[in-house]
Amino acid sequence: MKIGKIEEKLLLYRIKQSDKDAFIRAYDLYVDQLYRFIYFKVGNREEAEDLCSAMFLKTWHYILENSLKDQKTLKALFYKISRNLIIDHYRKTKGKETMSLDDEKGIKITDEKQNLNNDIELKADLLVLESKLPELKDEYREVIILRFINELSIKEIAEVLDKSRGNVRILIYRSLNALKELLSQDEKINLNA
């Protein structure tokens, strides 16, 4: 479910006023895509659920402390807090365990508006993407998830990553080239087999 820019700004304004109903509305709007973002970063369903919950809790604490005065977009705020929690998570778990996207239950990424053929193609593409994402540099993986899985704009990604729009465009370009290179290597291996 997408909302317009005006509705998002109004929602952010209401949230800045500590409006619980507005925060619940924001949760309903963004929980699925934020969970997907976190899941693709950590590769474990339970950890992704925990981090997603922690992100909303931390955001609510920021609201209560009146720490959101300079925020321009709600979506960028959620992704920025999620990203920082993921970084903290990696720091805490560094060397303790390996992360894997081999979750037995998998993740449900569907769009109810698609027909069956598109759904099958999307699932096949997502499986290929999911298998190749761990092979990319973290920075590349993150920008691909933000842009193409969670469909953030260049402006929103720039805000989340604290980079200029030009730097984000270059990063997306390099990420896609790295992903294409990985996919072409697989095709060469399959042709030689």
C-alpha atoms as a PDB file:
ATOM      1  CA  MET A   1       0.000   0.000   0.000  1.00  0.00           C
ATOM      2  CA  LYS A   2       1.515   3.292  -1.101  1.00  0.00           C
ATOM      3  CA  ILE A   3       0.682   6.739   0.120  1.00  0.00           C
ATOM      4  CA  GLY A   4       1.152  10.095  -1.529  1.00  0.00           C
ATOM      5  CA  LYS A   5       3.792  12.610  -0.537  1.00  0.00           C
ATOM      6  CA  ILE A   6       1.231  14.958   1.006  1.00  0.00           C
ATOM      7  CA  GLU A   7      -0.297  12.184   3.097  1.00  0.00           C
ATOM      8  CA  GLU A   8       3.167  11.094   4.237  1.00  0.00           C
ATOM      9  CA  LYS A   9       4.084  14.665   5.243  1.00  0.00           C
ATOM     10  CA  LEU A  10       0.820  14.992   7.148  1.00  0.00           C
ATOM     11  CA  LEU A  11       1.482  11.661   8.840  1.00  0.00           C
ATOM     12  CA  LEU A  12       5.018  12.764   9.787  1.00  0.00           C
ATOM     13  CA  TYR A  13       3.632  16.038  11.171  1.00  0.00           C
ATOM     14  CA  ARG A  14       1.085  14.144  13.283  1.00  0.00           C
ATOM     15  CA  ILE A  15       3.779  11.724  14.487  1.00  0.00           C
ATOM     16  CA  LYS A  16       5.985  14.648  15.517  1.00  0.00           C
ATOM     17  CA  GLN A  17       3.045  15.721  17.697  1.00  0.00           C
ATOM     18  CA  SER A  18       3.186  12.268  19.412  1.00  0.00           C
ATOM     19  CA  ASP A  19      -0.052  11.113  17.764  1.00  0.00           C
ATOM     20  CA  LYS A  20      -0.299   7.371  18.531  1.00  0.00           C
ATOM     21  CA  ASP A  21      -2.905   6.750  15.814  1.00  0.00           C
ATOM     22  CA  ALA A  22      -0.622   8.301  13.203  1.00  0.00           C
ATOM     23  CA  PHE A  23       2.249   6.093  14.362  1.00  0.00           C
ATOM     24  CA  ILE A  24       0.023   2.998  14.152  1.00  0.00           C
ATOM     25  CA  ARG A  25      -0.956   4.042  10.612  1.00  0.00           C
ATOM     26  CA  ALA A  26       2.725   4.452   9.705  1.00  0.00           C
ATOM     27  CA  TYR A  27       3.473   1.032  11.189  1.00  0.00           C
ATOM     28  CA  ASP A  28       0.736  -0.548   9.066  1.00  0.00           C
ATOM     29  CA  LEU A  29       2.014   1.198   5.939  1.00  0.00           C
ATOM     30  CA  TYR A  30       5.707   0.385   6.297  1.00  0.00           C
ATOM     31  CA  VAL A  31       6.128  -2.765   8.403  1.00  0.00           C
ATOM     32  CA  ASP A  32       6.212  -5.217   5.471  1.00  0.00           C
ATOM     33  CA  GLN A  33       8.754  -3.347   3.374  1.00  0.00           C
ATOM     34  CA  LEU A  34      10.944  -2.560   6.387  1.00  0.00           C
ATOM     35  CA  TYR A  35      10.869  -6.211   7.418  1.00  0.00           C
ATOM     36  CA  ARG A  36      11.915  -7.193   3.867  1.00  0.00           C
ATOM     37  CA  PHE A  37      14.777  -4.697   3.962  1.00  0.00           C
ATOM     38  CA  ILE A  38      16.008  -5.990   7.316  1.00  0.00           C
ATOM     39  CA  TYR A  39      15.530  -9.634   6.323  1.00  0.00           C
ATOM     40  CA  PHE A  40      17.631  -9.249   3.185  1.00  0.00           C
ATOM     41  CA  LYS A  41      20.339  -7.591   5.277  1.00  0.00           C
ATOM     42  CA  VAL A  42      20.510 -10.153   8.122  1.00  0.00           C
ATOM     43  CA  GLY A  43      19.210 -13.285   6.379  1.00  0.00           C
ATOM     44  CA  ASN A  44      17.419 -14.707   9.400  1.00  0.00           C
ATOM     45  CA  ARG A  45      13.674 -14.481   9.965  1.00  0.00           C
ATOM     46  CA  GLU A  46      13.710 -14.255  13.769  1.00  0.00           C
ATOM     47  CA  GLU A  47      16.488 -11.671  13.842  1.00  0.00           C
ATOM     48  CA  ALA A  48      14.702  -9.635  11.163  1.00  0.00           C
ATOM     49  CA  GLU A  49      11.481  -9.690  13.207  1.00  0.00           C
ATOM     50  CA  ASP A  50      13.363  -8.629  16.344  1.00  0.00           C
ATOM     51  CA  LEU A  51      15.197  -5.831  14.572  1.00  0.00           C
ATOM     52  CA  CYS A  52      12.016  -4.614  12.890  1.00  0.00           C
ATOM     53  CA  SER A  53      10.243  -4.445  16.254  1.00  0.00           C
ATOM     54  CA  ALA A  54      13.240  -2.708  17.813  1.00  0.00           C
ATOM     55  CA  MET A  55      13.249  -0.164  14.996  1.00  0.00           C
ATOM     56  CA  PHE A  56       9.624   0.833  15.588  1.00  0.00           C
ATOM     57  CA  LEU A  57      10.208   0.976  19.336  1.00  0.00           C
ATOM     58  CA  LYS A  58      13.297   3.140  18.905  1.00  0.00           C
ATOM     59  CA  THR A  59      11.402   5.434  16.525  1.00  0.00           C
ATOM     60  CA  TRP A  60       8.612   5.852  19.062  1.00  0.00           C
ATOM     61  CA  HIS A  61      11.186   6.765  21.728  1.00  0.00           C
ATOM     62  CA  TYR A  62      12.641   9.387  19.379  1.00  0.00           C
ATOM     63  CA  ILE A  63       9.142  10.782  18.943  1.00  0.00           C
ATOM     64  CA  LEU A  64       8.541  10.970  22.686  1.00  0.00           C
ATOM     65  CA  GLU A  65      11.920  12.678  23.174  1.00  0.00           C
ATOM     66  CA  ASN A  66      11.060  15.228  20.456  1.00  0.00           C
ATOM     67  CA  SER A  67      14.136  14.219  18.433  1.00  0.00           C
ATOM     68  CA  LEU A  68      12.489  14.334  14.990  1.00  0.00           C
ATOM     69  CA  LYS A  69      12.449  18.061  14.332  1.00  0.00           C
ATOM     70  CA  ASP A  70      14.748  17.988  11.293  1.00  0.00           C
ATOM     71  CA  GLN A  71      13.240  14.880   9.635  1.00  0.00           C
ATOM     72  CA  LYS A  72      11.791  15.513   6.184  1.00  0.00           C
ATOM     73  CA  THR A  73      10.341  12.136   5.205  1.00  0.00           C
ATOM     74  CA  LEU A  74       8.922   9.377   7.319  1.00  0.00           C
ATOM     75  CA  LYS A  75      10.097   6.545   5.067  1.00  0.00           C
ATOM     76  CA  ALA A  76      13.695   7.764   5.123  1.00  0.00           C
ATOM     77  CA  LEU A  77      13.530   8.021   8.919  1.00  0.00           C
ATOM     78  CA  PHE A  78      12.404   4.398   9.261  1.00  0.00           C
ATOM     79  CA  TYR A  79      15.084   3.133   6.875  1.00  0.00           C
ATOM     80  CA  LYS A  80      17.810   5.185   8.539  1.00  0.00           C
ATOM     81  CA  ILE A  81      16.935   3.812  11.980  1.00  0.00           C
ATOM     82  CA  SER A  82      16.681   0.276  10.532  1.00  0.00           C
ATOM     83  CA  ARG A  83      20.058   0.627   8.877  1.00  0.00           C
ATOM     84  CA  ASN A  84      21.685   1.822  12.103  1.00  0.00           C
ATOM     85  CA  LEU A  85      20.152  -1.065  14.057  1.00  0.00           C
ATOM     86  CA  ILE A  86      21.461  -3.533  11.468  1.00  0.00           C
ATOM     87  CA  ILE A  87      24.949  -2.042  11.749  1.00  0.00           C
ATOM     88  CA  ASP A  88      24.764  -2.339  15.549  1.00  0.00           C
ATOM     89  CA  HIS A  89      23.515  -5.908  15.171  1.00  0.00           C
ATOM     90  CA  TYR A  90      26.488  -6.838  12.969  1.00  0.00           C
ATOM     91  CA  ARG A  91      28.892  -5.270  15.435  1.00  0.00           C
ATOM     92  CA  LYS A  92      27.402  -7.278  18.307  1.00  0.00           C
ATOM     93  CA  THR A  93      27.338 -10.576  16.419  1.00  0.00           C
ATOM     94  CA  LYS A  94      30.650 -10.163  14.602  1.00  0.00           C
ATOM     95  CA  GLY A  95      32.552 -13.411  14.910  1.00  0.00           C
ATOM     96  CA  LYS A  96      29.789 -15.150  16.870  1.00  0.00           C
ATOM     97  CA  GLU A  97      27.829 -16.737  14.050  1.00  0.00           C
ATOM     98  CA  THR A  98      27.438 -16.737  10.302  1.00  0.00           C
ATOM     99  CA  MET A  99      24.417 -15.190   8.672  1.00  0.00           C
ATOM    100  CA  SER A 100      22.520 -17.080   6.016  1.00  0.00           C
ATOM    101  CA  LEU A 101      19.597 -16.458   3.725  1.00  0.00           C
ATOM    102  CA  ASP A 102      18.776 -20.177   3.922  1.00  0.00           C
ATOM    103  CA  ASP A 103      15.713 -19.697   6.117  1.00  0.00           C
ATOM    104  CA  GLU A 104      13.600 -22.837   5.925  1.00  0.00           C
ATOM    105  CA  LYS A 105      10.331 -20.906   5.824  1.00  0.00           C
ATOM    106  CA  GLY A 106      11.597 -18.264   3.417  1.00  0.00           C
ATOM    107  CA  ILE A 107      10.117 -14.827   3.019  1.00  0.00           C
ATOM    108  CA  LYS A 108       6.881 -14.008   1.338  1.00  0.00           C
ATOM    109  CA  ILE A 109       7.359 -11.226  -1.171  1.00  0.00           C
ATOM    110  CA  THR A 110       4.276 -10.918  -3.313  1.00  0.00           C
ATOM    111  CA  ASP A 111       2.129  -8.254  -4.860  1.00  0.00           C
ATOM    112  CA  GLU A 112      -1.559  -9.094  -4.911  1.00  0.00           C
ATOM    113  CA  LYS A 113      -2.024  -7.057  -8.108  1.00  0.00           C
ATOM    114  CA  GLN A 114       0.092  -9.410 -10.223  1.00  0.00           C
ATOM    115  CA  ASN A 115      -1.253 -12.291 -12.263  1.00  0.00           C
ATOM    116  CA  LEU A 116       0.004 -15.869 -11.870  1.00  0.00           C
ATOM    117  CA  ASN A 117       2.586 -15.730 -14.688  1.00  0.00           C
ATOM    118  CA  ASN A 118       4.096 -12.525 -13.344  1.00  0.00           C
ATOM    119  CA  ASP A 119       4.084 -14.039  -9.860  1.00  0.00           C
ATOM    120  CA  ILE A 120       6.042 -17.086 -11.061  1.00  0.00           C
ATOM    121  CA  GLU A 121       8.547 -14.895 -12.917  1.00  0.00           C
ATOM    122  CA  LEU A 122       8.900 -12.619  -9.894  1.00  0.00           C
ATOM    123  CA  LYS A 123       9.550 -15.571  -7.575  1.00  0.00           C
ATOM    124  CA  ALA A 124      12.182 -16.958  -9.944  1.00  0.00           C
ATOM    125  CA  ASP A 125      13.855 -13.544 -10.201  1.00  0.00           C
ATOM    126  CA  LEU A 126      13.760 -13.108  -6.424  1.00  0.00           C
ATOM    127  CA  LEU A 127      15.335 -16.530  -5.895  1.00  0.00           C
ATOM    128  CA  VAL A 128      18.171 -15.637  -8.251  1.00  0.00           C
ATOM    129  CA  LEU A 129      18.527 -12.223  -6.611  1.00  0.00           C
ATOM    130  CA  GLU A 130      18.433 -13.728  -3.114  1.00  0.00           C
ATOM    131  CA  SER A 131      21.160 -16.199  -4.036  1.00  0.00           C
ATOM    132  CA  LYS A 132      23.422 -13.482  -5.482  1.00  0.00           C
ATOM    133  CA  LEU A 133      22.898 -10.704  -2.916  1.00  0.00           C
ATOM    134  CA  PRO A 134      25.222 -12.248  -0.287  1.00  0.00           C
ATOM    135  CA  GLU A 135      28.016 -12.279  -2.856  1.00  0.00           C
ATOM    136  CA  LEU A 136      27.854  -8.495  -3.302  1.00  0.00           C
ATOM    137  CA  LYS A 137      29.634  -5.940  -1.142  1.00  0.00           C
ATOM    138  CA  ASP A 138      27.401  -4.832   1.721  1.00  0.00           C
ATOM    139  CA  GLU A 139      27.110  -1.320   0.291  1.00  0.00           C
ATOM    140  CA  TYR A 140      25.966  -2.678  -3.096  1.00  0.00           C
ATOM    141  CA  ARG A 141      23.553  -5.152  -1.524  1.00  0.00           C
ATOM    142  CA  GLU A 142      21.999  -2.403   0.576  1.00  0.00           C
ATOM    143  CA  VAL A 143      21.408  -0.008  -2.299  1.00  0.00           C
ATOM    144  CA  ILE A 144      19.870  -2.755  -4.467  1.00  0.00           C
ATOM    145  CA  ILE A 145      17.472  -3.698  -1.667  1.00  0.00           C
ATOM    146  CA  LEU A 146      16.494  -0.075  -1.060  1.00  0.00           C
ATOM    147  CA  ARG A 147      16.011   0.802  -4.726  1.00  0.00           C
ATOM    148  CA  PHE A 148      14.648  -2.314  -6.363  1.00  0.00           C
ATOM    149  CA  ILE A 149      13.050  -4.390  -3.621  1.00  0.00           C
ATOM    150  CA  ASN A 150      11.661  -1.635  -1.420  1.00  0.00           C
ATOM    151  CA  GLU A 151      11.343   0.904  -4.254  1.00  0.00           C
ATOM    152  CA  LEU A 152      12.751   3.950  -2.495  1.00  0.00           C
ATOM    153  CA  SER A 153      13.461   7.016  -4.612  1.00  0.00           C
ATOM    154  CA  ILE A 154      16.995   8.294  -5.211  1.00  0.00           C
ATOM    155  CA  LYS A 155      16.218  11.188  -2.870  1.00  0.00           C
ATOM    156  CA  GLU A 156      15.045   8.847  -0.093  1.00  0.00           C
ATOM    157  CA  ILE A 157      18.080   6.589  -0.479  1.00  0.00           C
ATOM    158  CA  ALA A 158      20.359   9.624  -0.331  1.00  0.00           C
ATOM    159  CA  GLU A 159      18.707  10.658   2.917  1.00  0.00           C
ATOM    160  CA  VAL A 160      18.985   7.161   4.404  1.00  0.00           C
ATOM    161  CA  LEU A 161      22.646   6.739   3.441  1.00  0.00           C
ATOM    162  CA  ASP A 162      23.671  10.368   4.082  1.00  0.00           C
ATOM    163  CA  LYS A 163      25.006  10.676   0.538  1.00  0.00           C
ATOM    164  CA  SER A 164      24.310  13.046  -2.324  1.00  0.00           C
ATOM    165  CA  ARG A 165      21.847  12.008  -5.027  1.00  0.00           C
ATOM    166  CA  GLY A 166      24.707  11.831  -7.510  1.00  0.00           C
ATOM    167  CA  ASN A 167      26.653   9.469  -5.262  1.00  0.00           C
ATOM    168  CA  VAL A 168      23.556   7.290  -4.882  1.00  0.00           C
ATOM    169  CA  ARG A 169      23.092   7.113  -8.662  1.00  0.00           C
ATOM    170  CA  ILE A 170      26.737   6.087  -9.093  1.00  0.00           C
ATOM    171  CA  LEU A 171      26.391   3.512  -6.310  1.00  0.00           C
ATOM    172  CA  ILE A 172      23.283   2.032  -7.951  1.00  0.00           C
ATOM    173  CA  TYR A 173      25.070   1.887 -11.294  1.00  0.00           C
ATOM    174  CA  ARG A 174      28.089   0.107  -9.781  1.00  0.00           C
ATOM    175  CA  SER A 175      25.850  -2.247  -7.804  1.00  0.00           C
ATOM    176  CA  LEU A 176      23.937  -3.275 -10.894  1.00  0.00           C
ATOM    177  CA  ASN A 177      27.153  -3.826 -12.810  1.00  0.00           C
ATOM    178  CA  ALA A 178      28.504  -6.016 -10.007  1.00  0.00           C
ATOM    179  CA  LEU A 179      25.243  -7.989  -9.957  1.00  0.00           C
ATOM    180  CA  LYS A 180      25.312  -8.387 -13.758  1.00  0.00           C
ATOM    181  CA  GLU A 181      28.891  -9.633 -13.516  1.00  0.00           C
ATOM    182  CA  LEU A 182      27.874 -12.265 -10.950  1.00  0.00           C
ATOM    183  CA  LEU A 183      24.965 -13.374 -13.127  1.00  0.00           C
ATOM    184  CA  SER A 184      27.123 -13.567 -16.260  1.00  0.00           C
ATOM    185  CA  GLN A 185      29.693 -15.677 -14.373  1.00  0.00           C
ATOM    186  CA  ASP A 186      26.911 -18.121 -13.497  1.00  0.00           C
ATOM    187  CA  GLU A 187      25.787 -18.273 -17.127  1.00  0.00           C
ATOM    188  CA  LYS A 188      29.369 -19.038 -18.239  1.00  0.00           C
ATOM    189  CA  ILE A 189      29.634 -21.812 -15.657  1.00  0.00           C
ATOM    190  CA  ASN A 190      26.290 -23.291 -16.747  1.00  0.00           C
ATOM    191  CA  LEU A 191      27.304 -23.196 -20.415  1.00  0.00           C
ATOM    192  CA  ASN A 192      30.598 -24.952 -19.681  1.00  0.00           C
ATOM    193  CA  ALA A 193      28.961 -27.662 -17.565  1.00  0.00           C
END
